[in-house]
């Protein structure tokens, strides 16, 4: 007859009968941290979603980029292709920055930029007046 150690006499180990030392102790939870709380803040949810990284095909090259960077890239590309709404969003940002690395605009540059902005705003007002009628 085989020898029995102390553990085998206390408890049979087998299917659906784990060893006593690996069982939960009385009062010990199987999930001590509990279920994670749901995020209820809408802006926090958007921020989490925009931080998510996805793969894109950028000129034949597969790259990983955060969603927020892809949105900005698409907005700038739309503005470059003549989308008036995209330009309307980007131009105020450009006006605030107005400096390019290694370049400081002089009076003539500022004047030229102001003319472009004025013509753009005039065009937008004309469009709005024609759509109102």
Protein backbone atom coordinates (compact mmCIF):
# COMPACT_ATOMS: atom_id res chain seq x y z
CA UNK A 1 0.00 0.00 0.00
CA UNK A 2 1.42 3.44 -0.94
CA UNK A 3 2.46 5.88 1.74
CA UNK A 4 0.14 8.81 2.39
CA UNK A 5 1.49 12.19 3.35
CA UNK A 6 -0.36 14.56 5.66
CA UNK A 7 -1.91 16.61 2.86
CA UNK A 8 -3.46 13.66 1.06
CA UNK A 9 -5.26 12.43 4.18
CA UNK A 10 -6.89 15.82 4.79
CA UNK A 11 -8.29 16.35 1.33
CA UNK A 12 -8.55 14.43 -1.94
CA UNK A 13 -7.03 16.35 -4.87
CA UNK A 14 -8.47 15.89 -8.35
CA UNK A 15 -11.07 17.22 -10.75
CA UNK A 16 -12.73 20.28 -9.18
CA UNK A 17 -10.86 19.60 -5.92
CA UNK A 18 -7.83 21.92 -5.77
CA UNK A 19 -5.17 21.50 -3.10
CA UNK A 20 -6.05 23.19 0.18
CA UNK A 21 -3.03 25.53 0.05
CA UNK A 22 -4.18 27.04 -3.28
CA UNK A 23 -7.80 27.61 -2.22
CA UNK A 24 -9.09 31.02 -1.11
CA UNK A 25 -8.64 31.65 2.58
CA UNK A 26 -11.79 32.53 4.57
CA UNK A 27 -12.57 36.24 4.09
CA UNK A 28 -10.24 36.57 1.09
CA UNK A 29 -11.81 37.88 -2.10
CA UNK A 30 -11.07 36.36 -5.49
CA UNK A 31 -11.17 39.86 -6.97
CA UNK A 32 -9.68 42.21 -4.37
CA UNK A 33 -9.65 45.31 -6.59
CA UNK A 34 -13.19 44.69 -7.82
CA UNK A 35 -14.68 45.71 -11.14
CA UNK A 36 -13.19 48.91 -12.56
CA UNK A 37 -15.49 51.88 -12.29
CA UNK A 38 -17.12 53.14 -15.48
CA UNK A 39 -15.88 56.48 -16.76
CA UNK A 40 -18.84 58.87 -16.89
CA UNK A 41 -17.01 62.01 -18.00
CA UNK A 42 -17.70 62.49 -21.73
CA UNK A 43 -14.53 64.50 -22.34
CA UNK A 44 -12.39 61.89 -20.58
CA UNK A 45 -13.91 59.19 -22.82
CA UNK A 46 -13.11 61.25 -25.93
CA UNK A 47 -9.57 61.81 -24.67
CA UNK A 48 -9.08 58.07 -24.12
CA UNK A 49 -10.40 57.31 -27.62
CA UNK A 50 -8.19 59.96 -29.27
CA UNK A 51 -5.08 58.62 -27.51
CA UNK A 52 -5.65 55.17 -29.02
CA UNK A 53 -3.00 54.27 -31.59
CA UNK A 54 -4.01 52.71 -34.91
CA UNK A 55 -2.19 51.60 -38.05
CA UNK A 56 -2.46 53.71 -41.19
CA UNK A 57 -1.01 53.50 -44.66
CA UNK A 58 0.93 56.73 -45.11
CA UNK A 59 2.31 56.90 -48.64
CA UNK A 60 2.76 53.13 -48.92
CA UNK A 61 4.33 52.89 -45.48
CA UNK A 62 2.43 51.35 -42.54
CA UNK A 63 2.71 53.62 -39.50
CA UNK A 64 1.28 53.65 -35.99
CA UNK A 65 -0.29 56.99 -35.09
CA UNK A 66 -2.66 58.26 -32.41
CA UNK A 67 -6.16 59.05 -33.67
CA UNK A 68 -5.86 62.72 -32.70
CA UNK A 69 -2.77 63.10 -34.91
CA UNK A 70 -4.59 61.46 -37.83
CA UNK A 71 -7.50 63.88 -37.44
CA UNK A 72 -5.16 66.89 -37.49
CA UNK A 73 -3.30 65.47 -40.50
CA UNK A 74 -6.59 65.02 -42.40
CA UNK A 75 -7.76 68.53 -41.45
CA UNK A 76 -4.54 70.12 -42.72
CA UNK A 77 -4.67 68.08 -45.93
CA UNK A 78 -8.29 69.14 -46.52
CA UNK A 79 -7.34 72.78 -45.99
CA UNK A 80 -4.51 72.42 -48.51
CA UNK A 81 -6.91 70.97 -51.08
CA UNK A 82 -9.23 73.95 -50.82
CA UNK A 83 -11.82 72.90 -48.24
CA UNK A 84 -13.16 76.23 -46.91
CA UNK A 85 -14.36 74.77 -43.60
CA UNK A 86 -10.96 73.25 -42.88
CA UNK A 87 -9.25 76.55 -43.72
CA UNK A 88 -11.65 78.38 -41.46
CA UNK A 89 -10.54 76.15 -38.58
CA UNK A 90 -6.81 76.27 -39.33
CA UNK A 91 -6.26 79.94 -40.23
CA UNK A 92 -7.00 81.32 -36.72
CA UNK A 93 -4.45 78.86 -35.32
CA UNK A 94 -1.90 80.06 -37.87
CA UNK A 95 -2.63 83.68 -36.96
CA UNK A 96 -1.93 82.98 -33.29
CA UNK A 97 1.37 81.29 -34.03
CA UNK A 98 2.57 83.45 -36.95
CA UNK A 99 6.16 82.40 -36.36
CA UNK A 100 7.99 79.70 -38.21
CA UNK A 101 11.12 78.13 -36.81
CA UNK A 102 14.07 80.13 -38.07
CA UNK A 103 11.79 82.80 -39.58
CA UNK A 104 10.56 86.03 -38.08
CA UNK A 105 7.95 87.86 -40.17
CA UNK A 106 8.62 91.50 -40.98
CA UNK A 107 6.06 94.25 -41.65
CA UNK A 108 5.61 93.23 -45.31
CA UNK A 109 4.94 89.61 -44.31
CA UNK A 110 2.36 90.65 -41.74
CA UNK A 111 0.67 92.94 -44.26
CA UNK A 112 0.51 90.18 -46.89
CA UNK A 113 -0.93 87.75 -44.33
CA UNK A 114 -3.53 90.33 -43.27
CA UNK A 115 -4.59 90.77 -46.93
CA UNK A 116 -5.00 87.02 -47.36
CA UNK A 117 -7.08 86.83 -44.18
CA UNK A 118 -9.22 89.79 -45.25
CA UNK A 119 -9.90 88.30 -48.70
CA UNK A 120 -10.74 84.97 -47.10
CA UNK A 121 -13.17 86.59 -44.66
CA UNK A 122 -14.75 88.66 -47.46
CA UNK A 123 -15.28 85.52 -49.52
CA UNK A 124 -16.89 83.76 -46.54
CA UNK A 125 -19.26 86.71 -45.92
CA UNK A 126 -20.29 86.73 -49.58
CA UNK A 127 -21.05 83.01 -49.42
CA UNK A 128 -23.10 83.42 -46.27
CA UNK A 129 -25.13 86.27 -47.85
CA UNK A 130 -25.89 84.21 -50.98
CA UNK A 131 -26.99 81.21 -48.93
CA UNK A 132 -29.27 83.37 -46.75
CA UNK A 133 -31.27 84.61 -49.73
